[in-house]
Amino acid sequence: MTKVEKLLGISKKCFESNEEIVHYIYGAYEKVFDGKNTLRTGVLIATNKRIVFCGKRFFSVFNDIVEYEDVYNVELSQEKFGEKVFIHCKKQSCSMRFVEDKDVIKFVKFIKENKGKRKQQLKGL
């Protein structure tokens, strides 16, 4: 079992009922926590209800959730060591760096289709 498969299994434990994985990417998640810019490796998952980050370090698991209704823009850019997905949110923005995944374009497209929508308005699978 690969690291990505393990993280996907761990993240499913915090899913809501009828929540399913649509797309996911692996890389370094960047966000400001407690006034400090942090970088954590893990999986950013686009589900049919929300966006979930899951990262594991030693014995602790880190989860972060972004609702589609908080997202107002998504950008994809090329960097030296992979691609960067930047998610602009109303409250606090986040990004996924060093992404070398084939499905990154589908991931970004899915988030763009569902940005700003409430859970009741989201497209099913």
C-alpha atoms as a PDB file:
ATOM      1  CA  MET A   1       0.000   0.000   0.000  1.00  0.00           C
ATOM      2  CA  THR A   2       1.480   3.347  -1.048  1.00  0.00           C
ATOM      3  CA  LYS A   3       1.604   6.483   1.078  1.00  0.00           C
ATOM      4  CA  VAL A   4      -1.143   8.113  -1.010  1.00  0.00           C
ATOM      5  CA  GLU A   5      -3.437   5.091  -0.575  1.00  0.00           C
ATOM      6  CA  LYS A   6      -2.856   5.153   3.197  1.00  0.00           C
ATOM      7  CA  LEU A   7      -3.684   8.869   3.383  1.00  0.00           C
ATOM      8  CA  LEU A   8      -6.840   8.365   1.314  1.00  0.00           C
ATOM      9  CA  GLY A   9      -7.930   5.618   3.714  1.00  0.00           C
ATOM     10  CA  ILE A  10      -7.261   7.819   6.748  1.00  0.00           C
ATOM     11  CA  SER A  11      -9.143  10.768   5.236  1.00  0.00           C
ATOM     12  CA  LYS A  12     -12.251   8.667   4.540  1.00  0.00           C
ATOM     13  CA  LYS A  13     -12.731   8.277   8.299  1.00  0.00           C
ATOM     14  CA  CYS A  14     -13.702  11.966   8.593  1.00  0.00           C
ATOM     15  CA  PHE A  15     -16.015  11.985   5.547  1.00  0.00           C
ATOM     16  CA  GLU A  16     -19.693  12.831   5.859  1.00  0.00           C
ATOM     17  CA  SER A  17     -22.360  10.354   4.778  1.00  0.00           C
ATOM     18  CA  ASN A  18     -22.540   9.879   0.985  1.00  0.00           C
ATOM     19  CA  GLU A  19     -19.249  11.777   0.543  1.00  0.00           C
ATOM     20  CA  GLU A  20     -17.008  10.311  -2.155  1.00  0.00           C
ATOM     21  CA  ILE A  21     -13.597  11.121  -3.618  1.00  0.00           C
ATOM     22  CA  VAL A  22     -13.804  12.658  -7.093  1.00  0.00           C
ATOM     23  CA  HIS A  23     -10.178  13.780  -7.672  1.00  0.00           C
ATOM     24  CA  TYR A  24      -7.034  14.050  -5.553  1.00  0.00           C
ATOM     25  CA  ILE A  25      -3.473  15.349  -5.859  1.00  0.00           C
ATOM     26  CA  TYR A  26      -0.346  14.728  -3.788  1.00  0.00           C
ATOM     27  CA  GLY A  27       2.092  17.484  -2.853  1.00  0.00           C
ATOM     28  CA  ALA A  28       2.998  20.034  -0.186  1.00  0.00           C
ATOM     29  CA  TYR A  29       0.038  21.890   1.373  1.00  0.00           C
ATOM     30  CA  GLU A  30       0.788  25.505   2.266  1.00  0.00           C
ATOM     31  CA  LYS A  31      -1.395  27.571   4.598  1.00  0.00           C
ATOM     32  CA  VAL A  32      -1.032  30.033   7.480  1.00  0.00           C
ATOM     33  CA  PHE A  33      -1.741  28.446  10.889  1.00  0.00           C
ATOM     34  CA  ASP A  34      -1.464  30.463  14.107  1.00  0.00           C
ATOM     35  CA  GLY A  35       0.267  33.284  12.237  1.00  0.00           C
ATOM     36  CA  LYS A  36       2.943  30.983  10.800  1.00  0.00           C
ATOM     37  CA  ASN A  37       3.282  29.849   7.208  1.00  0.00           C
ATOM     38  CA  THR A  38       3.355  26.039   7.240  1.00  0.00           C
ATOM     39  CA  LEU A  39       4.157  23.452   4.598  1.00  0.00           C
ATOM     40  CA  ARG A  40       2.913  19.872   5.055  1.00  0.00           C
ATOM     41  CA  THR A  41       3.079  16.967   2.626  1.00  0.00           C
ATOM     42  CA  GLY A  42      -0.108  15.068   1.981  1.00  0.00           C
ATOM     43  CA  VAL A  43      -3.144  14.584  -0.228  1.00  0.00           C
ATOM     44  CA  LEU A  44      -5.609  17.300  -1.269  1.00  0.00           C
ATOM     45  CA  ILE A  45      -8.924  15.645  -2.070  1.00  0.00           C
ATOM     46  CA  ALA A  46     -11.847  17.100  -4.021  1.00  0.00           C
ATOM     47  CA  THR A  47     -14.959  15.251  -2.885  1.00  0.00           C
ATOM     48  CA  ASN A  48     -18.527  15.660  -4.039  1.00  0.00           C
ATOM     49  CA  LYS A  49     -19.186  17.847  -0.933  1.00  0.00           C
ATOM     50  CA  ARG A  50     -15.965  19.725  -0.018  1.00  0.00           C
ATOM     51  CA  ILE A  51     -12.162  19.896  -0.323  1.00  0.00           C
ATOM     52  CA  VAL A  52     -10.200  17.911   2.282  1.00  0.00           C
ATOM     53  CA  PHE A  53      -6.456  17.894   3.007  1.00  0.00           C
ATOM     54  CA  CYS A  54      -4.950  14.924   4.834  1.00  0.00           C
ATOM     55  CA  GLY A  55      -1.321  14.742   5.922  1.00  0.00           C
ATOM     56  CA  LYS A  56       0.487  12.457   8.354  1.00  0.00           C
ATOM     57  CA  ARG A  57       3.645  13.128  10.286  1.00  0.00           C
ATOM     58  CA  PHE A  58       4.969  10.505  12.686  1.00  0.00           C
ATOM     59  CA  PHE A  59       1.968   9.546  14.838  1.00  0.00           C
ATOM     60  CA  SER A  60      -0.241  12.574  14.237  1.00  0.00           C
ATOM     61  CA  VAL A  61      -2.725  13.096  11.418  1.00  0.00           C
ATOM     62  CA  PHE A  62      -3.501  16.596  10.153  1.00  0.00           C
ATOM     63  CA  ASN A  63      -6.815  17.373   8.420  1.00  0.00           C
ATOM     64  CA  ASP A  64      -8.005  20.653   6.952  1.00  0.00           C
ATOM     65  CA  ILE A  65     -11.355  21.277   5.274  1.00  0.00           C
ATOM     66  CA  VAL A  66     -12.348  23.918   2.711  1.00  0.00           C
ATOM     67  CA  GLU A  67     -16.003  24.267   1.740  1.00  0.00           C
ATOM     68  CA  TYR A  68     -16.775  24.933  -1.945  1.00  0.00           C
ATOM     69  CA  GLU A  69     -18.935  27.924  -0.987  1.00  0.00           C
ATOM     70  CA  ASP A  70     -15.805  29.628   0.464  1.00  0.00           C
ATOM     71  CA  VAL A  71     -13.798  29.211  -2.770  1.00  0.00           C
ATOM     72  CA  TYR A  72     -13.950  32.073  -5.255  1.00  0.00           C
ATOM     73  CA  ASN A  73     -11.026  31.265  -7.581  1.00  0.00           C
ATOM     74  CA  VAL A  74      -8.539  28.496  -8.382  1.00  0.00           C
ATOM     75  CA  GLU A  75      -5.236  28.996 -10.201  1.00  0.00           C
ATOM     76  CA  LEU A  76      -2.840  26.481 -11.703  1.00  0.00           C
ATOM     77  CA  SER A  77       0.746  27.565 -12.336  1.00  0.00           C
ATOM     78  CA  GLN A  78       3.982  25.872 -13.328  1.00  0.00           C
ATOM     79  CA  GLU A  79       6.907  25.954 -10.897  1.00  0.00           C
ATOM     80  CA  LYS A  80      10.443  24.654 -11.068  1.00  0.00           C
ATOM     81  CA  PHE A  81       9.698  21.422  -9.179  1.00  0.00           C
ATOM     82  CA  GLY A  82       6.132  20.724 -10.336  1.00  0.00           C
ATOM     83  CA  GLU A  83       2.849  22.535 -10.531  1.00  0.00           C
ATOM     84  CA  LYS A  84       1.137  24.754  -7.964  1.00  0.00           C
ATOM     85  CA  VAL A  85      -2.598  24.866  -7.291  1.00  0.00           C
ATOM     86  CA  PHE A  86      -3.649  28.056  -5.487  1.00  0.00           C
ATOM     87  CA  ILE A  87      -7.144  28.112  -3.970  1.00  0.00           C
ATOM     88  CA  HIS A  88      -8.450  31.608  -3.193  1.00  0.00           C
ATOM     89  CA  CYS A  89     -10.945  31.457  -0.321  1.00  0.00           C
ATOM     90  CA  LYS A  90     -13.086  34.063   1.393  1.00  0.00           C
ATOM     91  CA  LYS A  91     -11.605  33.356   4.827  1.00  0.00           C
ATOM     92  CA  GLN A  92      -8.099  32.045   4.209  1.00  0.00           C
ATOM     93  CA  SER A  93      -6.390  30.933   1.012  1.00  0.00           C
ATOM     94  CA  CYS A  94      -4.264  27.814   0.628  1.00  0.00           C
ATOM     95  CA  SER A  95      -2.074  26.192  -1.991  1.00  0.00           C
ATOM     96  CA  MET A  96      -0.676  22.820  -2.978  1.00  0.00           C
ATOM     97  CA  ARG A  97       2.903  22.964  -4.257  1.00  0.00           C
ATOM     98  CA  PHE A  98       5.252  20.501  -5.940  1.00  0.00           C
ATOM     99  CA  VAL A  99       2.357  18.617  -7.566  1.00  0.00           C
ATOM    100  CA  GLU A 100       3.393  16.078 -10.197  1.00  0.00           C
ATOM    101  CA  ASP A 101       0.049  14.428 -10.790  1.00  0.00           C
ATOM    102  CA  LYS A 102      -1.516  13.621 -14.169  1.00  0.00           C
ATOM    103  CA  ASP A 103      -5.005  14.530 -12.960  1.00  0.00           C
ATOM    104  CA  VAL A 104      -4.163  18.029 -11.703  1.00  0.00           C
ATOM    105  CA  ILE A 105      -6.028  19.681 -14.607  1.00  0.00           C
ATOM    106  CA  LYS A 106      -9.163  17.607 -13.905  1.00  0.00           C
ATOM    107  CA  PHE A 107      -8.806  18.446 -10.202  1.00  0.00           C
ATOM    108  CA  VAL A 108      -8.676  22.211 -10.892  1.00  0.00           C
ATOM    109  CA  LYS A 109     -11.504  22.012 -13.432  1.00  0.00           C
ATOM    110  CA  PHE A 110     -13.761  20.199 -10.940  1.00  0.00           C
ATOM    111  CA  ILE A 111     -13.128  22.810  -8.235  1.00  0.00           C
ATOM    112  CA  LYS A 112     -13.784  25.648 -10.708  1.00  0.00           C
ATOM    113  CA  GLU A 113     -17.117  24.044 -11.652  1.00  0.00           C
ATOM    114  CA  ASN A 114     -18.175  23.824  -7.992  1.00  0.00           C
ATOM    115  CA  LYS A 115     -16.662  26.994  -6.501  1.00  0.00           C
ATOM    116  CA  GLY A 116     -19.058  29.222  -4.602  1.00  0.00           C
ATOM    117  CA  LYS A 117     -21.764  26.545  -4.460  1.00  0.00           C
ATOM    118  CA  ARG A 118     -23.439  25.330  -1.315  1.00  0.00           C
ATOM    119  CA  LYS A 119     -23.597  21.608  -0.555  1.00  0.00           C
ATOM    120  CA  GLN A 120     -27.189  21.412  -1.817  1.00  0.00           C
ATOM    121  CA  GLN A 121     -26.154  22.862  -5.205  1.00  0.00           C
ATOM    122  CA  LEU A 122     -23.118  20.650  -5.842  1.00  0.00           C
ATOM    123  CA  LYS A 123     -23.048  18.325  -8.808  1.00  0.00           C
ATOM    124  CA  GLY A 124     -23.182  14.644  -7.993  1.00  0.00           C
ATOM    125  CA  LEU A 125     -20.808  12.102  -9.472  1.00  0.00           C
END
